């Protein structure tokens, strides 16, 4: 699962460039230009993708405090 999620990141990056809708005069629901509607859908997909990354690909020990480099606690 982690490999699939990470492999999808470059695909999402490439899909972010919506040059194919730049000159499209169509309107979605009569108010959204095609490029804006694409960006809206893209944003929702990326939001879900990033949520899945946090839930399934986040390192298990990332939230635990790490010991200091010297092994001794430094006083301030």
Foldseek 3Di string as FASTA:
>chain_A
DLVVLVVCVVVLVVQVPPPVQPPPQDADVVHHRPVRVSVVVSVVVVVVSVVCCCVPVDDPCPPPDDADPVNDDDDD
